Every structure is written in C-alpha cells, then in structure tokens.
Amino acid sequence: MTERDPAIPMILTAVATVCATVAVLTYYGYVQFSKPQDALLLSEFTMLKTVPGEDYKVSLQPASQVAKCVDGIVVMFDTEQKGLTGVLVNNRKQAVHCIGEKTPQQVMP
C-alpha cells in the first residue's frame, strides 16, 4: 500500500462485511445463539445402586420423563412439556452412554 491509500477504510470495510454476514446468517437461521433457559436442568436425577439380595423402594407413580437410546447416548424426553428434550449428562457434563439398543427409527412425540 502506498501512503496515499490508508488501510483504515479497508479494515472498516472488512469489519462491516463480517458484521453484515453474521447478521444475515442469523436472520435466516443459520446461526443460533443459545439462551440461558436452554441449559436449565430438566430435572434432578439420582442413581440407586442395586445390591443383590437387598430391597430398595421407589415410587409407583412414573416420572414425567422418558429415556431413549439414540446413537449410543441416553436422550431424555419430557412428557409434560412437548418438544423439551435433552441429553443425560453427569456432573462433569459428560454424556451418559447406553448399550444394547439400536438407534430408533422414530423419535417419540
């Protein structure tokens, strides 16, 4: 570049182009920003360890969540709030895997 052509207009043009591109992609749904409510806990879960010969008590009323094995990961579906799904994770945000089931062909409603 010569001294007569300052780089500032080129830098501003590049920044404006990036901002406009992100705005257009967001408008058409290609870029989505997560919201705090997207990361809320679906419910609290506790694992009951089973010991052979020892009884444990659970409620007869079923939970409002159901689980399905999808691509080897436990996916939770809420039956009260339609469309609310999530991956079951431990306290370190590691996905809980499942074994012995094939990938379902249809997702539960």
PDB file of N, CA and C in Angstrom:
ATOM      1  N   MET A   1       0.833  -1.173   0.000  1.00  0.00           N
ATOM      2  CA  MET A   1       0.000   0.000   0.000  1.00  0.00           C
ATOM      3  C   MET A   1       0.885   1.246   0.000  1.00  0.00           C
ATOM      4  N   THR A   2       0.406   2.229  -0.636  1.00  0.00           N
ATOM      5  CA  THR A   2       1.137   3.495  -0.657  1.00  0.00           C
ATOM      6  C   THR A   2       0.660   4.373   0.481  1.00  0.00           C
ATOM      7  N   GLU A   3       1.364   5.476   0.667  1.00  0.00           N
ATOM      8  CA  GLU A   3       0.973   6.385   1.736  1.00  0.00           C
ATOM      9  C   GLU A   3      -0.339   7.084   1.420  1.00  0.00           C
ATOM     10  N   ARG A   4      -0.699   7.149   0.162  1.00  0.00           N
ATOM     11  CA  ARG A   4      -1.926   7.838  -0.217  1.00  0.00           C
ATOM     12  C   ARG A   4      -3.164   6.979   0.047  1.00  0.00           C
ATOM     13  N   ASP A   5      -2.988   5.660   0.120  1.00  0.00           N
ATOM     14  CA  ASP A   5      -4.112   4.766   0.382  1.00  0.00           C
ATOM     15  C   ASP A   5      -4.048   4.270   1.826  1.00  0.00           C
ATOM     16  N   PRO A   6      -4.749   4.916   2.728  1.00  0.00           N
ATOM     17  CA  PRO A   6      -4.705   4.456   4.123  1.00  0.00           C
ATOM     18  C   PRO A   6      -5.444   3.116   4.277  1.00  0.00           C
ATOM     19  N   ALA A   7      -4.997   2.329   5.220  1.00  0.00           N
ATOM     20  CA  ALA A   7      -5.569   0.996   5.433  1.00  0.00           C
ATOM     21  C   ALA A   7      -6.843   1.041   6.268  1.00  0.00           C
ATOM     22  N   ILE A   8      -7.130   2.153   6.889  1.00  0.00           N
ATOM     23  CA  ILE A   8      -8.297   2.245   7.773  1.00  0.00           C
ATOM     24  C   ILE A   8      -9.607   1.967   7.033  1.00  0.00           C
ATOM     25  N   PRO A   9      -9.856   2.557   5.858  1.00  0.00           N
ATOM     26  CA  PRO A   9     -11.116   2.224   5.175  1.00  0.00           C
ATOM     27  C   PRO A   9     -11.231   0.748   4.809  1.00  0.00           C
ATOM     28  N   MET A  10     -10.138   0.108   4.481  1.00  0.00           N
ATOM     29  CA  MET A  10     -10.184  -1.323   4.152  1.00  0.00           C
ATOM     30  C   MET A  10     -10.503  -2.158   5.385  1.00  0.00           C
ATOM     31  N   ILE A  11      -9.934  -1.792   6.526  1.00  0.00           N
ATOM     32  CA  ILE A  11     -10.200  -2.506   7.776  1.00  0.00           C
ATOM     33  C   ILE A  11     -11.661  -2.331   8.173  1.00  0.00           C
ATOM     34  N   LEU A  12     -12.172  -1.102   8.064  1.00  0.00           N
ATOM     35  CA  LEU A  12     -13.576  -0.849   8.402  1.00  0.00           C
ATOM     36  C   LEU A  12     -14.515  -1.604   7.463  1.00  0.00           C
ATOM     37  N   THR A  13     -14.163  -1.690   6.210  1.00  0.00           N
ATOM     38  CA  THR A  13     -14.969  -2.440   5.253  1.00  0.00           C
ATOM     39  C   THR A  13     -14.991  -3.927   5.608  1.00  0.00           C
ATOM     40  N   ALA A  14     -13.851  -4.474   5.992  1.00  0.00           N
ATOM     41  CA  ALA A  14     -13.779  -5.890   6.373  1.00  0.00           C
ATOM     42  C   ALA A  14     -14.611  -6.157   7.621  1.00  0.00           C
ATOM     43  N   VAL A  15     -14.533  -5.282   8.624  1.00  0.00           N
ATOM     44  CA  VAL A  15     -15.314  -5.455   9.858  1.00  0.00           C
ATOM     45  C   VAL A  15     -16.803  -5.345   9.551  1.00  0.00           C
ATOM     46  N   ALA A  16     -17.189  -4.367   8.731  1.00  0.00           N
ATOM     47  CA  ALA A  16     -18.601  -4.204   8.376  1.00  0.00           C
ATOM     48  C   ALA A  16     -19.110  -5.411   7.588  1.00  0.00           C
ATOM     49  N   THR A  17     -18.278  -5.971   6.731  1.00  0.00           N
ATOM     50  CA  THR A  17     -18.678  -7.147   5.949  1.00  0.00           C
ATOM     51  C   THR A  17     -18.910  -8.347   6.855  1.00  0.00           C
ATOM     52  N   VAL A  18     -18.041  -8.551   7.831  1.00  0.00           N
ATOM     53  CA  VAL A  18     -18.197  -9.670   8.758  1.00  0.00           C
ATOM     54  C   VAL A  18     -19.469  -9.486   9.583  1.00  0.00           C
ATOM     55  N   CYS A  19     -19.701  -8.273  10.079  1.00  0.00           N
ATOM     56  CA  CYS A  19     -20.906  -7.999  10.874  1.00  0.00           C
ATOM     57  C   CYS A  19     -22.170  -8.218  10.046  1.00  0.00           C
ATOM     58  N   ALA A  20     -22.169  -7.750   8.806  1.00  0.00           N
ATOM     59  CA  ALA A  20     -23.333  -7.923   7.930  1.00  0.00           C
ATOM     60  C   ALA A  20     -23.557  -9.400   7.623  1.00  0.00           C
ATOM     61  N   THR A  21     -22.502 -10.151   7.419  1.00  0.00           N
ATOM     62  CA  THR A  21     -22.628 -11.580   7.130  1.00  0.00           C
ATOM     63  C   THR A  21     -23.236 -12.318   8.319  1.00  0.00           C
ATOM     64  N   VAL A  22     -22.759 -12.038   9.522  1.00  0.00           N
ATOM     65  CA  VAL A  22     -23.303 -12.674  10.724  1.00  0.00           C
ATOM     66  C   VAL A  22     -24.769 -12.287  10.908  1.00  0.00           C
ATOM     67  N   ALA A  23     -25.107 -11.029  10.653  1.00  0.00           N
ATOM     68  CA  ALA A  23     -26.497 -10.585  10.789  1.00  0.00           C
ATOM     69  C   ALA A  23     -27.409 -11.313   9.800  1.00  0.00           C
ATOM     70  N   VAL A  24     -26.989 -11.451   8.567  1.00  0.00           N
ATOM     71  CA  VAL A  24     -27.804 -12.131   7.554  1.00  0.00           C
ATOM     72  C   VAL A  24     -27.937 -13.612   7.889  1.00  0.00           C
ATOM     73  N   LEU A  25     -26.852 -14.268   8.291  1.00  0.00           N
ATOM     74  CA  LEU A  25     -26.913 -15.685   8.651  1.00  0.00           C
ATOM     75  C   LEU A  25     -27.802 -15.915   9.871  1.00  0.00           C
ATOM     76  N   THR A  26     -27.780 -14.995  10.826  1.00  0.00           N
ATOM     77  CA  THR A  26     -28.646 -15.094  11.997  1.00  0.00           C
ATOM     78  C   THR A  26     -30.101 -14.911  11.595  1.00  0.00           C
ATOM     79  N   TYR A  27     -30.369 -13.949  10.732  1.00  0.00           N
ATOM     80  CA  TYR A  27     -31.734 -13.675  10.284  1.00  0.00           C
ATOM     81  C   TYR A  27     -32.350 -14.893   9.598  1.00  0.00           C
ATOM     82  N   TYR A  28     -31.579 -15.594   8.783  1.00  0.00           N
ATOM     83  CA  TYR A  28     -32.088 -16.754   8.063  1.00  0.00           C
ATOM     84  C   TYR A  28     -31.983 -18.056   8.862  1.00  0.00           C
ATOM     85  N   GLY A  29     -31.504 -17.995  10.113  1.00  0.00           N
ATOM     86  CA  GLY A  29     -31.498 -19.160  10.987  1.00  0.00           C
ATOM     87  C   GLY A  29     -30.289 -20.056  10.880  1.00  0.00           C
ATOM     88  N   TYR A  30     -29.255 -19.631  10.175  1.00  0.00           N
ATOM     89  CA  TYR A  30     -28.059 -20.465  10.073  1.00  0.00           C
ATOM     90  C   TYR A  30     -27.146 -20.317  11.282  1.00  0.00           C
ATOM     91  N   VAL A  31     -27.284 -19.228  12.023  1.00  0.00           N
ATOM     92  CA  VAL A  31     -26.517 -19.009  13.245  1.00  0.00           C
ATOM     93  C   VAL A  31     -27.529 -18.862  14.371  1.00  0.00           C
ATOM     94  N   GLN A  32     -27.369 -19.680  15.408  1.00  0.00           N
ATOM     95  CA  GLN A  32     -28.277 -19.611  16.544  1.00  0.00           C
ATOM     96  C   GLN A  32     -27.460 -19.468  17.811  1.00  0.00           C
ATOM     97  N   PHE A  33     -27.878 -18.565  18.668  1.00  0.00           N
ATOM     98  CA  PHE A  33     -27.194 -18.329  19.925  1.00  0.00           C
ATOM     99  C   PHE A  33     -28.006 -18.996  21.029  1.00  0.00           C
ATOM    100  N   SER A  34     -27.324 -19.742  21.904  1.00  0.00           N
ATOM    101  CA  SER A  34     -28.035 -20.424  22.980  1.00  0.00           C
ATOM    102  C   SER A  34     -28.441 -19.417  24.051  1.00  0.00           C
ATOM    103  N   LYS A  35     -29.550 -19.713  24.684  1.00  0.00           N
ATOM    104  CA  LYS A  35     -30.093 -18.859  25.729  1.00  0.00           C
ATOM    105  C   LYS A  35     -29.882 -19.552  27.062  1.00  0.00           C
ATOM    106  N   PRO A  36     -29.880 -18.806  28.165  1.00  0.00           N
ATOM    107  CA  PRO A  36     -29.701 -19.453  29.473  1.00  0.00           C
ATOM    108  C   PRO A  36     -30.763 -20.507  29.769  1.00  0.00           C
ATOM    109  N   GLN A  37     -31.992 -20.301  29.328  1.00  0.00           N
ATOM    110  CA  GLN A  37     -33.030 -21.291  29.604  1.00  0.00           C
ATOM    111  C   GLN A  37     -32.817 -22.584  28.833  1.00  0.00           C
ATOM    112  N   ASP A  38     -31.993 -22.563  27.781  1.00  0.00           N
ATOM    113  CA  ASP A  38     -31.694 -23.782  27.047  1.00  0.00           C
ATOM    114  C   ASP A  38     -30.848 -24.745  27.868  1.00  0.00           C
ATOM    115  N   ALA A  39     -30.132 -24.244  28.853  1.00  0.00           N
ATOM    116  CA  ALA A  39     -29.232 -25.073  29.648  1.00  0.00           C
ATOM    117  C   ALA A  39     -29.810 -25.411  31.017  1.00  0.00           C
ATOM    118  N   LEU A  40     -31.086 -25.132  31.237  1.00  0.00           N
ATOM    119  CA  LEU A  40     -31.693 -25.443  32.523  1.00  0.00           C
ATOM    120  C   LEU A  40     -31.795 -26.949  32.710  1.00  0.00           C
ATOM    121  N   LEU A  41     -31.749 -27.354  33.946  1.00  0.00           N
ATOM    122  CA  LEU A  41     -31.883 -28.770  34.256  1.00  0.00           C
ATOM    123  C   LEU A  41     -33.305 -29.211  33.990  1.00  0.00           C
ATOM    124  N   LEU A  42     -33.443 -30.312  33.300  1.00  0.00           N
ATOM    125  CA  LEU A  42     -34.767 -30.872  33.058  1.00  0.00           C
ATOM    126  C   LEU A  42     -35.354 -31.360  34.377  1.00  0.00           C
ATOM    127  N   SER A  43     -34.549 -32.005  35.162  1.00  0.00           N
ATOM    128  CA  SER A  43     -34.955 -32.498  36.465  1.00  0.00           C
ATOM    129  C   SER A  43     -33.710 -33.030  37.162  1.00  0.00           C
ATOM    130  N   GLU A  44     -33.816 -33.256  38.442  1.00  0.00           N
ATOM    131  CA  GLU A  44     -32.709 -33.837  39.197  1.00  0.00           C
ATOM    132  C   GLU A  44     -32.846 -35.354  39.178  1.00  0.00           C
ATOM    133  N   PHE A  45     -31.748 -36.042  38.951  1.00  0.00           N
ATOM    134  CA  PHE A  45     -31.766 -37.497  38.909  1.00  0.00           C
ATOM    135  C   PHE A  45     -30.742 -38.045  39.890  1.00  0.00           C
ATOM    136  N   THR A  46     -31.060 -39.181  40.475  1.00  0.00           N
ATOM    137  CA  THR A  46     -30.156 -39.864  41.387  1.00  0.00           C
ATOM    138  C   THR A  46     -30.127 -41.333  40.993  1.00  0.00           C
ATOM    139  N   MET A  47     -28.955 -41.910  40.992  1.00  0.00           N
ATOM    140  CA  MET A  47     -28.832 -43.320  40.661  1.00  0.00           C
ATOM    141  C   MET A  47     -28.928 -44.137  41.938  1.00  0.00           C
ATOM    142  N   LEU A  48     -29.812 -45.115  41.935  1.00  0.00           N
ATOM    143  CA  LEU A  48     -29.931 -46.025  43.067  1.00  0.00           C
ATOM    144  C   LEU A  48     -29.097 -47.260  42.775  1.00  0.00           C
ATOM    145  N   LYS A  49     -28.124 -47.493  43.618  1.00  0.00           N
ATOM    146  CA  LYS A  49     -27.270 -48.667  43.431  1.00  0.00           C
ATOM    147  C   LYS A  49     -28.021 -49.901  43.897  1.00  0.00           C
ATOM    148  N   THR A  50     -28.040 -50.911  43.051  1.00  0.00           N
ATOM    149  CA  THR A  50     -28.722 -52.150  43.410  1.00  0.00           C
ATOM    150  C   THR A  50     -27.704 -53.149  43.943  1.00  0.00           C
ATOM    151  N   VAL A  51     -28.046 -53.721  45.060  1.00  0.00           N
ATOM    152  CA  VAL A  51     -27.194 -54.725  45.697  1.00  0.00           C
ATOM    153  C   VAL A  51     -27.978 -56.032  45.702  1.00  0.00           C
ATOM    154  N   PRO A  52     -27.379 -57.125  45.239  1.00  0.00           N
ATOM    155  CA  PRO A  52     -28.106 -58.401  45.221  1.00  0.00           C
ATOM    156  C   PRO A  52     -28.607 -58.776  46.613  1.00  0.00           C
ATOM    157  N   GLY A  53     -29.883 -59.114  46.687  1.00  0.00           N
ATOM    158  CA  GLY A  53     -30.479 -59.539  47.955  1.00  0.00           C
ATOM    159  C   GLY A  53     -30.977 -58.395  48.810  1.00  0.00           C
ATOM    160  N   GLU A  54     -30.800 -57.170  48.391  1.00  0.00           N
ATOM    161  CA  GLU A  54     -31.232 -56.023  49.183  1.00  0.00           C
ATOM    162  C   GLU A  54     -32.367 -55.306  48.452  1.00  0.00           C
ATOM    163  N   ASP A  55     -33.427 -54.986  49.198  1.00  0.00           N
ATOM    164  CA  ASP A  55     -34.571 -54.313  48.599  1.00  0.00           C
ATOM    165  C   ASP A  55     -34.345 -52.805  48.562  1.00  0.00           C
ATOM    166  N   TYR A  56     -34.968 -52.162  47.600  1.00  0.00           N
ATOM    167  CA  TYR A  56     -34.974 -50.703  47.534  1.00  0.00           C
ATOM    168  C   TYR A  56     -36.375 -50.265  47.167  1.00  0.00           C
ATOM    169  N   LYS A  57     -36.727 -49.068  47.586  1.00  0.00           N
ATOM    170  CA  LYS A  57     -38.087 -48.584  47.380  1.00  0.00           C
ATOM    171  C   LYS A  57     -38.076 -47.427  46.385  1.00  0.00           C
ATOM    172  N   VAL A  58     -39.030 -47.484  45.465  1.00  0.00           N
ATOM    173  CA  VAL A  58     -39.238 -46.387  44.520  1.00  0.00           C
ATOM    174  C   VAL A  58     -40.734 -46.103  44.469  1.00  0.00           C
ATOM    175  N   SER A  59     -41.074 -44.925  44.009  1.00  0.00           N
ATOM    176  CA  SER A  59     -42.472 -44.529  43.891  1.00  0.00           C
ATOM    177  C   SER A  59     -43.156 -45.319  42.788  1.00  0.00           C
ATOM    178  N   LEU A  60     -44.422 -45.622  42.998  1.00  0.00           N
ATOM    179  CA  LEU A  60     -45.189 -46.315  41.970  1.00  0.00           C
ATOM    180  C   LEU A  60     -45.604 -45.377  40.844  1.00  0.00           C
ATOM    181  N   GLN A  61     -45.639 -44.080  41.136  1.00  0.00           N
ATOM    182  CA  GLN A  61     -46.006 -43.096  40.115  1.00  0.00           C
ATOM    183  C   GLN A  61     -44.806 -42.858  39.193  1.00  0.00           C
ATOM    184  N   PRO A  62     -44.990 -43.022  37.870  1.00  0.00           N
ATOM    185  CA  PRO A  62     -43.851 -42.849  36.955  1.00  0.00           C
ATOM    186  C   PRO A  62     -43.441 -41.379  36.827  1.00  0.00           C
ATOM    187  N   ALA A  63     -42.188 -41.174  36.464  1.00  0.00           N
ATOM    188  CA  ALA A  63     -41.674 -39.821  36.243  1.00  0.00           C
ATOM    189  C   ALA A  63     -42.254 -39.261  34.947  1.00  0.00           C
ATOM    190  N   SER A  64     -42.190 -37.943  34.815  1.00  0.00           N
ATOM    191  CA  SER A  64     -42.724 -37.323  33.599  1.00  0.00           C
ATOM    192  C   SER A  64     -41.693 -37.319  32.473  1.00  0.00           C
ATOM    193  N   GLN A  65     -40.550 -37.940  32.700  1.00  0.00           N
ATOM    194  CA  GLN A  65     -39.523 -38.035  31.666  1.00  0.00           C
ATOM    195  C   GLN A  65     -39.382 -39.486  31.228  1.00  0.00           C
ATOM    196  N   VAL A  66     -39.075 -39.657  29.959  1.00  0.00           N
ATOM    197  CA  VAL A  66     -38.759 -40.980  29.429  1.00  0.00           C
ATOM    198  C   VAL A  66     -37.409 -40.882  28.735  1.00  0.00           C
ATOM    199  N   ALA A  67     -36.702 -42.001  28.682  1.00  0.00           N
ATOM    200  CA  ALA A  67     -35.373 -42.018  28.077  1.00  0.00           C
ATOM    201  C   ALA A  67     -35.366 -42.946  26.879  1.00  0.00           C
ATOM    202  N   LYS A  68     -34.530 -42.618  25.927  1.00  0.00           N
ATOM    203  CA  LYS A  68     -34.386 -43.415  24.710  1.00  0.00           C
ATOM    204  C   LYS A  68     -32.903 -43.449  24.363  1.00  0.00           C
ATOM    205  N   CYS A  69     -32.441 -44.553  23.821  1.00  0.00           N
ATOM    206  CA  CYS A  69     -31.057 -44.663  23.386  1.00  0.00           C
ATOM    207  C   CYS A  69     -30.978 -44.190  21.932  1.00  0.00           C
ATOM    208  N   VAL A  70     -30.281 -43.085  21.697  1.00  0.00           N
ATOM    209  CA  VAL A  70     -30.138 -42.528  20.355  1.00  0.00           C
ATOM    210  C   VAL A  70     -28.653 -42.433  20.040  1.00  0.00           C
ATOM    211  N   ASP A  71     -28.207 -43.187  19.056  1.00  0.00           N
ATOM    212  CA  ASP A  71     -26.794 -43.209  18.659  1.00  0.00           C
ATOM    213  C   ASP A  71     -25.868 -43.487  19.837  1.00  0.00           C
ATOM    214  N   GLY A  72     -26.302 -44.342  20.760  1.00  0.00           N
ATOM    215  CA  GLY A  72     -25.470 -44.740  21.885  1.00  0.00           C
ATOM    216  C   GLY A  72     -25.450 -43.769  23.047  1.00  0.00           C
ATOM    217  N   ILE A  73     -26.324 -42.745  23.036  1.00  0.00           N
ATOM    218  CA  ILE A  73     -26.377 -41.754  24.113  1.00  0.00           C
ATOM    219  C   ILE A  73     -27.801 -41.707  24.647  1.00  0.00           C
ATOM    220  N   VAL A  74     -27.943 -41.569  25.972  1.00  0.00           N
ATOM    221  CA  VAL A  74     -29.260 -41.505  26.594  1.00  0.00           C
ATOM    222  C   VAL A  74     -29.863 -40.127  26.364  1.00  0.00           C
ATOM    223  N   VAL A  75     -30.997 -40.096  25.675  1.00  0.00           N
ATOM    224  CA  VAL A  75     -31.706 -38.851  25.400  1.00  0.00           C
ATOM    225  C   VAL A  75     -32.998 -38.865  26.196  1.00  0.00           C
ATOM    226  N   MET A  76     -33.260 -37.776  26.921  1.00  0.00           N
ATOM    227  CA  MET A  76     -34.441 -37.668  27.770  1.00  0.00           C
ATOM    228  C   MET A  76     -35.512 -36.850  27.056  1.00  0.00           C
ATOM    229  N   PHE A  77     -36.749 -37.303  27.177  1.00  0.00           N
ATOM    230  CA  PHE A  77     -37.901 -36.601  26.629  1.00  0.00           C
ATOM    231  C   PHE A  77     -38.853 -36.288  27.774  1.00  0.00           C
ATOM    232  N   ASP A  78     -39.362 -35.082  27.840  1.00  0.00           N
ATOM    233  CA  ASP A  78     -40.334 -34.702  28.863  1.00  0.00           C
ATOM    234  C   ASP A  78     -41.726 -34.896  28.290  1.00  0.00           C
ATOM    235  N   THR A  79     -42.580 -35.627  29.004  1.00  0.00           N
ATOM    236  CA  THR A  79     -43.925 -35.899  28.506  1.00  0.00           C
ATOM    237  C   THR A  79     -44.900 -34.777  28.828  1.00  0.00           C
ATOM    238  N   GLU A  80     -44.561 -33.896  29.777  1.00  0.00           N
ATOM    239  CA  GLU A  80     -45.450 -32.793  30.130  1.00  0.00           C
ATOM    240  C   GLU A  80     -45.223 -31.577  29.242  1.00  0.00           C
ATOM    241  N   GLN A  81     -43.997 -31.283  28.909  1.00  0.00           N
ATOM    242  CA  GLN A  81     -43.663 -30.143  28.054  1.00  0.00           C
ATOM    243  C   GLN A  81     -43.215 -30.683  26.707  1.00  0.00           C
ATOM    244  N   LYS A  82     -44.108 -30.685  25.756  1.00  0.00           N
ATOM    245  CA  LYS A  82     -43.810 -31.247  24.437  1.00  0.00           C
ATOM    246  C   LYS A  82     -42.653 -30.490  23.790  1.00  0.00           C
ATOM    247  N   GLY A  83     -41.771 -31.223  23.167  1.00  0.00           N
ATOM    248  CA  GLY A  83     -40.636 -30.616  22.482  1.00  0.00           C
ATOM    249  C   GLY A  83     -39.426 -30.413  23.368  1.00  0.00           C
ATOM    250  N   LEU A  84     -39.552 -30.659  24.680  1.00  0.00           N
ATOM    251  CA  LEU A  84     -38.424 -30.487  25.586  1.00  0.00           C
ATOM    252  C   LEU A  84     -37.646 -31.793  25.641  1.00  0.00           C
ATOM    253  N   THR A  85     -36.453 -31.781  25.069  1.00  0.00           N
ATOM    254  CA  THR A  85     -35.604 -32.962  25.071  1.00  0.00           C
ATOM    255  C   THR A  85     -34.212 -32.551  25.517  1.00  0.00           C
ATOM    256  N   GLY A  86     -33.428 -33.509  25.911  1.00  0.00           N
ATOM    257  CA  GLY A  86     -32.065 -33.223  26.313  1.00  0.00           C
ATOM    258  C   GLY A  86     -31.261 -34.494  26.447  1.00  0.00           C
ATOM    259  N   VAL A  87     -29.967 -34.323  26.539  1.00  0.00           N
ATOM    260  CA  VAL A  87     -29.042 -35.438  26.702  1.00  0.00           C
ATOM    261  C   VAL A  87     -28.752 -35.589  28.186  1.00  0.00           C
ATOM    262  N   LEU A  88     -28.790 -36.801  28.683  1.00  0.00           N
ATOM    263  CA  LEU A  88     -28.490 -37.059  30.091  1.00  0.00           C
ATOM    264  C   LEU A  88     -26.979 -36.984  30.294  1.00  0.00           C
ATOM    265  N   VAL A  89     -26.547 -36.120  31.211  1.00  0.00           N
ATOM    266  CA  VAL A  89     -25.119 -35.934  31.487  1.00  0.00           C
ATOM    267  C   VAL A  89     -24.873 -36.093  32.977  1.00  0.00           C
ATOM    268  N   ASN A  90     -23.614 -36.347  33.328  1.00  0.00           N
ATOM    269  CA  ASN A  90     -23.251 -36.412  34.736  1.00  0.00           C
ATOM    270  C   ASN A  90     -22.831 -35.023  35.219  1.00  0.00           C
ATOM    271  N   ASN A  91     -22.320 -34.938  36.440  1.00  0.00           N
ATOM    272  CA  ASN A  91     -21.956 -33.626  36.988  1.00  0.00           C
ATOM    273  C   ASN A  91     -20.749 -32.996  36.294  1.00  0.00           C
ATOM    274  N   ARG A  92     -20.052 -33.736  35.461  1.00  0.00           N
ATOM    275  CA  ARG A  92     -18.919 -33.191  34.701  1.00  0.00           C
ATOM    276  C   ARG A  92     -19.300 -32.870  33.257  1.00  0.00           C
ATOM    277  N   LYS A  93     -20.605 -32.872  32.968  1.00  0.00           N
ATOM    278  CA  LYS A  93     -21.154 -32.595  31.633  1.00  0.00           C
ATOM    279  C   LYS A  93     -20.723 -33.631  30.602  1.00  0.00           C
ATOM    280  N   GLN A  94     -20.516 -34.875  31.041  1.00  0.00           N
ATOM    281  CA  GLN A  94     -20.185 -35.970  30.142  1.00  0.00           C
ATOM    282  C   GLN A  94     -21.463 -36.734  29.838  1.00  0.00           C
ATOM    283  N   ALA A  95     -21.708 -37.015  28.571  1.00  0.00           N
ATOM    284  CA  ALA A  95     -22.926 -37.709  28.169  1.00  0.00           C
ATOM    285  C   ALA A  95     -22.939 -39.132  28.706  1.00  0.00           C
ATOM    286  N   VAL A  96     -24.103 -39.563  29.177  1.00  0.00           N
ATOM    287  CA  VAL A  96     -24.289 -40.934  29.651  1.00  0.00           C
ATOM    288  C   VAL A  96     -24.590 -41.797  28.434  1.00  0.00           C
ATOM    289  N   HIS A  97     -23.788 -42.833  28.247  1.00  0.00           N
ATOM    290  CA  HIS A  97     -23.947 -43.723  27.085  1.00  0.00           C
ATOM    291  C   HIS A  97     -24.826 -44.909  27.444  1.00  0.00           C
ATOM    292  N   CYS A  98     -25.424 -45.491  26.439  1.00  0.00           N
ATOM    293  CA  CYS A  98     -26.240 -46.680  26.634  1.00  0.00           C
ATOM    294  C   CYS A  98     -25.759 -47.763  25.672  1.00  0.00           C
ATOM    295  N   ILE A  99     -26.002 -49.001  26.050  1.00  0.00           N
ATOM    296  CA  ILE A  99     -25.562 -50.126  25.220  1.00  0.00           C
ATOM    297  C   ILE A  99     -26.721 -51.072  25.020  1.00  0.00           C
ATOM    298  N   GLY A 100     -26.622 -51.879  23.981  1.00  0.00           N
ATOM    299  CA  GLY A 100     -27.583 -52.941  23.781  1.00  0.00           C
ATOM    300  C   GLY A 100     -28.853 -52.551  23.062  1.00  0.00           C
ATOM    301  N   GLU A 101     -28.983 -51.320  22.595  1.00  0.00           N
ATOM    302  CA  GLU A 101     -30.188 -50.935  21.863  1.00  0.00           C
ATOM    303  C   GLU A 101     -29.799 -50.337  20.525  1.00  0.00           C
ATOM    304  N   LYS A 102     -30.644 -50.565  19.549  1.00  0.00           N
ATOM    305  CA  LYS A 102     -30.408 -49.994  18.241  1.00  0.00           C
ATOM    306  C   LYS A 102     -30.938 -48.561  18.204  1.00  0.00           C
ATOM    307  N   THR A 103     -30.476 -47.789  17.247  1.00  0.00           N
ATOM    308  CA  THR A 103     -30.957 -46.436  17.069  1.00  0.00           C
ATOM    309  C   THR A 103     -32.425 -46.473  16.658  1.00  0.00           C
ATOM    310  N   PRO A 104     -33.305 -45.711  17.344  1.00  0.00           N
ATOM    311  CA  PRO A 104     -34.723 -45.749  16.980  1.00  0.00           C
ATOM    312  C   PRO A 104     -34.951 -45.109  15.612  1.00  0.00           C
ATOM    313  N   GLN A 105     -35.967 -45.603  14.920  1.00  0.00           N
ATOM    314  CA  GLN A 105     -36.294 -45.053  13.607  1.00  0.00           C
ATOM    315  C   GLN A 105     -37.173 -43.824  13.718  1.00  0.00           C
ATOM    316  N   GLN A 106     -37.932 -43.691  14.815  1.00  0.00           N
ATOM    317  CA  GLN A 106     -38.788 -42.536  15.026  1.00  0.00           C
ATOM    318  C   GLN A 106     -38.545 -42.009  16.414  1.00  0.00           C
ATOM    319  N   VAL A 107     -38.580 -40.672  16.535  1.00  0.00           N
ATOM    320  CA  VAL A 107     -38.450 -40.046  17.847  1.00  0.00           C
ATOM    321  C   VAL A 107     -39.829 -39.981  18.475  1.00  0.00           C
ATOM    322  N   MET A 108     -39.890 -40.252  19.778  1.00  0.00           N
ATOM    323  CA  MET A 108     -41.176 -40.223  20.467  1.00  0.00           C
ATOM    324  C   MET A 108     -41.754 -38.821  20.447  1.00  0.00           C
ATOM    325  N   PRO A 109     -43.066 -38.689  20.354  1.00  0.00           N
ATOM    326  CA  PRO A 109     -43.674 -37.349  20.342  1.00  0.00           C
ATOM    327  C   PRO A 109     -43.619 -36.687  21.684  1.00  0.00           C
TER     328      PRO A 109
END
